[in-house]
Amino acid sequence: MTTPKHCPGFESFKTLQSFMCKCDNCGVEVEIFSDEFDKTHKCHACNQQIDFTQCTFDAGV
């Protein structure tokens, strides 16, 4: 028996990209992953919906 090198399910997440989105209302940055674009997201500070057109790709994190 061999020991896996990664956690089960790792393959489905290894291509995810991280995006930082600023809230248009209050300016707080929220991290959103590429598999979450089909969901609506609200700012945790002011509860306004986040506009995905303001997101930027964060390749370093």
C-alpha atoms as a PDB file:
ATOM      1  CA  MET A   1       0.000   0.000   0.000  1.00  0.00           C
ATOM      2  CA  THR A   2       1.275   3.478  -0.871  1.00  0.00           C
ATOM      3  CA  THR A   3       0.696   6.730   0.947  1.00  0.00           C
ATOM      4  CA  PRO A   4      -0.980   9.439  -1.162  1.00  0.00           C
ATOM      5  CA  LYS A   5       1.079  12.583  -1.785  1.00  0.00           C
ATOM      6  CA  HIS A   6      -1.967  14.862  -1.513  1.00  0.00           C
ATOM      7  CA  CYS A   7      -5.304  14.959   0.274  1.00  0.00           C
ATOM      8  CA  PRO A   8      -8.197  13.212  -1.508  1.00  0.00           C
ATOM      9  CA  GLY A   9      -9.892  15.628  -3.889  1.00  0.00           C
ATOM     10  CA  PHE A  10      -6.740  17.717  -4.387  1.00  0.00           C
ATOM     11  CA  GLU A  11      -6.830  17.351  -8.180  1.00  0.00           C
ATOM     12  CA  SER A  12     -10.145  19.192  -8.516  1.00  0.00           C
ATOM     13  CA  PHE A  13      -8.779  22.241  -6.660  1.00  0.00           C
ATOM     14  CA  LYS A  14      -5.206  22.576  -7.915  1.00  0.00           C
ATOM     15  CA  THR A  15      -6.185  24.810 -10.869  1.00  0.00           C
ATOM     16  CA  LEU A  16      -8.188  27.328  -8.821  1.00  0.00           C
ATOM     17  CA  GLN A  17      -7.260  30.982  -9.154  1.00  0.00           C
ATOM     18  CA  SER A  18      -7.655  33.623  -6.480  1.00  0.00           C
ATOM     19  CA  PHE A  19      -9.207  37.016  -7.199  1.00  0.00           C
ATOM     20  CA  MET A  20      -9.289  40.058  -4.927  1.00  0.00           C
ATOM     21  CA  CYS A  21     -12.456  42.116  -5.282  1.00  0.00           C
ATOM     22  CA  LYS A  22     -13.020  45.529  -3.748  1.00  0.00           C
ATOM     23  CA  CYS A  23     -16.453  46.465  -2.546  1.00  0.00           C
ATOM     24  CA  ASP A  24     -17.725  49.477  -4.510  1.00  0.00           C
ATOM     25  CA  ASN A  25     -19.588  50.682  -1.440  1.00  0.00           C
ATOM     26  CA  CYS A  26     -16.953  50.582   1.355  1.00  0.00           C
ATOM     27  CA  GLY A  27     -13.657  49.542  -0.308  1.00  0.00           C
ATOM     28  CA  VAL A  28     -13.059  46.363   1.714  1.00  0.00           C
ATOM     29  CA  GLU A  29     -11.199  43.666  -0.264  1.00  0.00           C
ATOM     30  CA  VAL A  30     -12.691  40.180  -0.425  1.00  0.00           C
ATOM     31  CA  GLU A  31     -10.940  37.084  -1.811  1.00  0.00           C
ATOM     32  CA  ILE A  32     -12.981  35.021  -4.270  1.00  0.00           C
ATOM     33  CA  PHE A  33     -11.861  31.833  -6.012  1.00  0.00           C
ATOM     34  CA  SER A  34     -12.437  31.037  -9.679  1.00  0.00           C
ATOM     35  CA  ASP A  35     -14.909  28.239  -8.904  1.00  0.00           C
ATOM     36  CA  GLU A  36     -17.172  30.711  -7.056  1.00  0.00           C
ATOM     37  CA  PHE A  37     -18.055  33.026  -9.967  1.00  0.00           C
ATOM     38  CA  ASP A  38     -21.479  31.424 -10.384  1.00  0.00           C
ATOM     39  CA  LYS A  39     -22.401  32.429  -6.815  1.00  0.00           C
ATOM     40  CA  THR A  40     -23.377  35.853  -5.522  1.00  0.00           C
ATOM     41  CA  HIS A  41     -21.098  37.358  -2.891  1.00  0.00           C
ATOM     42  CA  LYS A  42     -21.774  40.104  -0.404  1.00  0.00           C
ATOM     43  CA  CYS A  43     -19.233  42.267   1.362  1.00  0.00           C
ATOM     44  CA  HIS A  44     -18.705  41.078   4.926  1.00  0.00           C
ATOM     45  CA  ALA A  45     -18.351  44.693   6.110  1.00  0.00           C
ATOM     46  CA  CYS A  46     -21.373  46.452   4.565  1.00  0.00           C
ATOM     47  CA  ASN A  47     -23.461  43.552   3.159  1.00  0.00           C
ATOM     48  CA  GLN A  48     -23.575  44.984  -0.389  1.00  0.00           C
ATOM     49  CA  GLN A  49     -23.247  42.661  -3.392  1.00  0.00           C
ATOM     50  CA  ILE A  50     -19.735  42.606  -4.906  1.00  0.00           C
ATOM     51  CA  ASP A  51     -19.270  43.568  -8.568  1.00  0.00           C
ATOM     52  CA  PHE A  52     -17.065  40.915 -10.219  1.00  0.00           C
ATOM     53  CA  THR A  53     -15.987  43.339 -12.966  1.00  0.00           C
ATOM     54  CA  GLN A  54     -13.789  45.024 -10.324  1.00  0.00           C
ATOM     55  CA  CYS A  55     -11.849  41.826  -9.512  1.00  0.00           C
ATOM     56  CA  THR A  56      -8.154  41.404 -10.247  1.00  0.00           C
ATOM     57  CA  PHE A  57      -6.191  38.168 -10.584  1.00  0.00           C
ATOM     58  CA  ASP A  58      -3.794  37.591  -7.678  1.00  0.00           C
ATOM     59  CA  ALA A  59      -1.162  35.201  -9.062  1.00  0.00           C
ATOM     60  CA  GLY A  60       1.203  35.387  -6.118  1.00  0.00           C
ATOM     61  CA  VAL A  61      -1.092  34.104  -3.364  1.00  0.00           C
END
